[in-house]
Amino acid sequence: MRPGLTHGLKRHRGMTGYMLRPTPNPDRFGRDGIAEHAPQRYKGLDVASVANVIQLAVAPAFLLTGSGAMLAVMAGRLARVVDRFRELHESDGWKHEQKSIEMQLLLKRSRWIHRAITLSTLAALLVCIVIATLFAAVEVGWNPSRLISLLFICAMGSLISGMLCFLREIALSTDIIEEFPASS
């Protein structure tokens, strides 16, 4: 602990339950725990609370990084599906029936990828709202536990649904391999 904050420990309820927080030494600090010479704008700011919120926001930030990587993969797959669809649409070499079957499959795949991207993006947006709510709650002194729990549950539900849609698209893409006869 820093000198000046060793006067005692006080039990207080934080966002994650009860924890011990150092109480300021009344000889060095004013009534509100901030040094008397501190600028007025810092008197309402509780550095320990902000540090705690930053710690809580690290896990969702890593989740955002993973979601971004998955979105990049999905966008790449969608681009390949669109390119293949255009190629088939402009070509004249195949029988009409084979071309139509593959184009229908590409349409299904693009719809599943689109759903996966939409749901994953929604999950990322909800995680951003969770992080913003954590910081806003510290600023106004509000306990957002229920709201954050609900938002995070919705984000995880959306991410899970997006991953399931992505798995379905992968299954559709491997089905086309099984439909074409193997050349021997």
Protein backbone atom coordinates (compact mmCIF):
# COMPACT_ATOMS: atom_id res chain seq x y z
CA MET A 1 0.00 0.00 0.00
CA ARG A 2 1.05 3.56 -0.61
CA PRO A 3 2.11 5.72 2.29
CA GLY A 4 -0.79 7.80 3.44
CA LEU A 5 -3.36 5.10 2.73
CA THR A 6 -2.28 2.82 5.56
CA HIS A 7 -4.57 4.30 8.17
CA GLY A 8 -6.87 1.28 8.09
CA LEU A 9 -8.94 -1.02 5.99
CA LYS A 10 -12.63 -0.57 5.45
CA ARG A 11 -14.99 -3.26 4.18
CA HIS A 12 -17.17 -2.08 1.31
CA ARG A 13 -19.39 -3.69 -1.28
CA GLY A 14 -18.01 -3.47 -4.80
CA MET A 15 -19.44 -4.77 -8.08
CA THR A 16 -17.98 -8.24 -7.45
CA GLY A 17 -18.88 -8.59 -3.77
CA TYR A 18 -17.33 -7.43 -0.53
CA MET A 19 -13.69 -6.40 -0.55
CA LEU A 20 -11.29 -4.57 1.68
CA ARG A 21 -10.36 -1.08 0.62
CA PRO A 22 -7.72 1.08 2.26
CA THR A 23 -9.07 4.07 4.11
CA PRO A 24 -7.13 7.31 3.83
CA ASN A 25 -5.06 8.75 6.62
CA PRO A 26 -7.05 11.74 7.89
CA ASP A 27 -3.85 13.67 8.61
CA ARG A 28 -2.84 13.75 4.93
CA PHE A 29 -6.18 13.52 3.13
CA GLY A 30 -9.46 15.36 3.35
CA ARG A 31 -12.81 13.86 4.29
CA ASP A 32 -13.45 12.41 0.82
CA GLY A 33 -10.07 10.60 0.64
CA ILE A 34 -8.56 12.92 -1.96
CA ALA A 35 -5.61 15.11 -1.11
CA GLU A 36 -6.68 18.61 -0.22
CA HIS A 37 -4.40 20.08 -2.86
CA ALA A 38 -5.89 17.96 -5.69
CA PRO A 39 -7.63 19.86 -8.47
CA GLN A 40 -11.40 20.09 -8.16
CA ARG A 41 -12.08 17.85 -11.18
CA TYR A 42 -10.37 14.86 -9.47
CA LYS A 43 -12.15 15.11 -6.15
CA GLY A 44 -15.09 12.89 -7.23
CA LEU A 45 -12.91 10.34 -9.03
CA ASP A 46 -12.17 7.10 -7.19
CA VAL A 47 -9.01 5.64 -8.75
CA ALA A 48 -9.52 2.24 -7.13
CA SER A 49 -12.97 1.97 -8.70
CA VAL A 50 -11.65 2.88 -12.12
CA ALA A 51 -8.82 0.36 -11.78
CA ASN A 52 -11.34 -2.30 -10.79
CA VAL A 53 -13.47 -1.49 -13.83
CA ILE A 54 -10.46 -1.70 -16.12
CA GLN A 55 -9.73 -5.16 -14.70
CA LEU A 56 -13.35 -6.17 -15.32
CA ALA A 57 -13.24 -4.82 -18.87
CA VAL A 58 -10.14 -6.80 -19.90
CA ALA A 59 -11.96 -10.12 -20.47
CA PRO A 60 -14.66 -8.58 -22.68
CA ALA A 61 -11.94 -6.75 -24.61
CA PHE A 62 -10.23 -10.06 -25.37
CA LEU A 63 -13.62 -11.43 -26.41
CA LEU A 64 -13.89 -8.52 -28.84
CA THR A 65 -10.52 -9.44 -30.32
CA GLY A 66 -11.61 -13.04 -30.87
CA SER A 67 -14.94 -11.93 -32.33
CA GLY A 68 -13.14 -9.61 -34.72
CA ALA A 69 -10.92 -12.44 -35.93
CA MET A 70 -13.94 -14.69 -36.48
CA LEU A 71 -15.73 -11.91 -38.36
CA ALA A 72 -12.71 -11.57 -40.64
CA VAL A 73 -12.80 -15.31 -41.39
CA MET A 74 -16.54 -15.19 -42.08
CA ALA A 75 -16.21 -12.15 -44.33
CA GLY A 76 -13.48 -13.95 -46.29
CA ARG A 77 -15.70 -16.99 -46.76
CA LEU A 78 -18.60 -14.80 -47.87
CA ALA A 79 -16.34 -13.07 -50.41
CA ARG A 80 -15.30 -16.45 -51.84
CA VAL A 81 -18.93 -17.56 -52.11
CA VAL A 82 -19.88 -14.33 -53.91
CA ASP A 83 -16.92 -14.66 -56.28
CA ARG A 84 -17.83 -18.26 -57.11
CA PHE A 85 -21.46 -17.29 -57.66
CA ARG A 86 -20.43 -14.54 -60.09
CA GLU A 87 -18.10 -16.90 -61.89
CA LEU A 88 -20.86 -19.47 -62.35
CA HIS A 89 -23.34 -16.83 -63.42
CA GLU A 90 -21.03 -15.54 -66.14
CA SER A 91 -19.81 -18.94 -67.39
CA ASP A 92 -21.42 -21.02 -70.14
CA GLY A 93 -19.41 -24.25 -69.88
CA TRP A 94 -21.53 -26.40 -67.55
CA LYS A 95 -24.82 -28.09 -68.00
CA HIS A 96 -27.64 -25.89 -66.83
CA GLU A 97 -28.74 -28.39 -64.16
CA GLN A 98 -25.29 -28.72 -62.51
CA LYS A 99 -24.82 -24.97 -62.58
CA SER A 100 -28.24 -24.39 -61.05
CA ILE A 101 -27.59 -26.87 -58.22
CA GLU A 102 -24.28 -25.27 -57.28
CA MET A 103 -25.74 -21.77 -57.48
CA GLN A 104 -28.59 -22.78 -55.16
CA LEU A 105 -26.05 -24.21 -52.72
CA LEU A 106 -23.99 -21.02 -52.90
CA LEU A 107 -27.12 -18.99 -52.13
CA LYS A 108 -27.80 -21.14 -49.05
CA ARG A 109 -24.21 -20.77 -47.93
CA SER A 110 -24.30 -17.00 -48.36
CA ARG A 111 -27.47 -16.77 -46.27
CA TRP A 112 -25.93 -18.83 -43.45
CA ILE A 113 -22.73 -16.77 -43.52
CA HIS A 114 -24.79 -13.58 -43.51
CA ARG A 115 -26.67 -14.77 -40.42
CA ALA A 116 -23.41 -15.75 -38.73
CA ILE A 117 -21.86 -12.35 -39.46
CA THR A 118 -24.96 -10.51 -38.26
CA LEU A 119 -25.18 -12.48 -34.99
CA SER A 120 -21.44 -12.23 -34.31
CA THR A 121 -21.49 -8.50 -34.96
CA LEU A 122 -24.45 -8.14 -32.60
CA ALA A 123 -22.48 -10.05 -29.96
CA ALA A 124 -19.50 -7.73 -30.42
CA LEU A 125 -21.75 -4.67 -30.13
CA LEU A 126 -23.29 -6.01 -26.92
CA VAL A 127 -19.82 -6.59 -25.47
CA CYS A 128 -18.94 -2.98 -26.37
CA ILE A 129 -22.07 -1.85 -24.54
CA VAL A 130 -21.02 -3.94 -21.52
CA ILE A 131 -17.62 -2.23 -21.42
CA ALA A 132 -19.13 1.24 -21.87
CA THR A 133 -21.72 0.53 -19.16
CA LEU A 134 -18.99 -0.54 -16.73
CA PHE A 135 -17.17 2.76 -17.15
CA ALA A 136 -20.33 4.88 -17.17
CA ALA A 137 -21.56 3.19 -13.98
CA VAL A 138 -18.35 4.08 -12.16
CA GLU A 139 -18.67 7.67 -13.27
CA VAL A 140 -22.23 8.07 -11.99
CA GLY A 141 -21.87 5.76 -8.98
CA TRP A 142 -24.45 3.19 -10.09
CA ASN A 143 -24.36 -0.59 -9.63
CA PRO A 144 -25.02 -2.06 -13.10
CA SER A 145 -24.65 -5.74 -12.14
CA ARG A 146 -28.02 -6.91 -13.44
CA LEU A 147 -27.85 -4.94 -16.66
CA ILE A 148 -24.31 -6.12 -17.37
CA SER A 149 -25.27 -9.71 -16.63
CA LEU A 150 -28.23 -9.48 -19.00
CA LEU A 151 -26.17 -7.81 -21.74
CA PHE A 152 -23.38 -10.37 -21.40
CA ILE A 153 -25.85 -13.28 -21.50
CA CYS A 154 -27.39 -11.80 -24.66
CA ALA A 155 -23.92 -11.33 -26.16
CA MET A 156 -22.98 -14.94 -25.45
CA GLY A 157 -26.30 -16.18 -26.85
CA SER A 158 -25.76 -14.16 -30.01
CA LEU A 159 -22.17 -15.36 -30.35
CA ILE A 160 -23.20 -18.99 -29.85
CA SER A 161 -25.95 -18.61 -32.46
CA GLY A 162 -23.49 -16.99 -34.86
CA MET A 163 -21.02 -19.84 -34.42
CA LEU A 164 -23.79 -22.39 -35.01
CA CYS A 165 -24.72 -20.63 -38.24
CA PHE A 166 -21.07 -20.66 -39.23
CA LEU A 167 -20.89 -24.41 -38.55
CA ARG A 168 -23.95 -24.93 -40.76
CA GLU A 169 -22.28 -23.01 -43.57
CA ILE A 170 -19.18 -25.14 -43.22
CA ALA A 171 -21.32 -28.27 -43.40
CA LEU A 172 -22.97 -26.97 -46.58
CA SER A 173 -19.59 -26.20 -48.13
CA THR A 174 -18.33 -29.73 -47.48
CA ASP A 175 -21.55 -31.26 -48.84
CA ILE A 176 -20.69 -30.04 -52.32
CA ILE A 177 -17.46 -32.07 -52.22
CA GLU A 178 -19.43 -35.24 -51.52
CA GLU A 179 -21.93 -34.56 -54.33
CA PHE A 180 -19.37 -34.51 -57.15
CA PRO A 181 -18.01 -37.88 -58.28
CA ALA A 182 -14.39 -38.57 -57.48
CA SER A 183 -12.11 -38.83 -60.49
CA SER A 184 -10.02 -41.98 -60.60
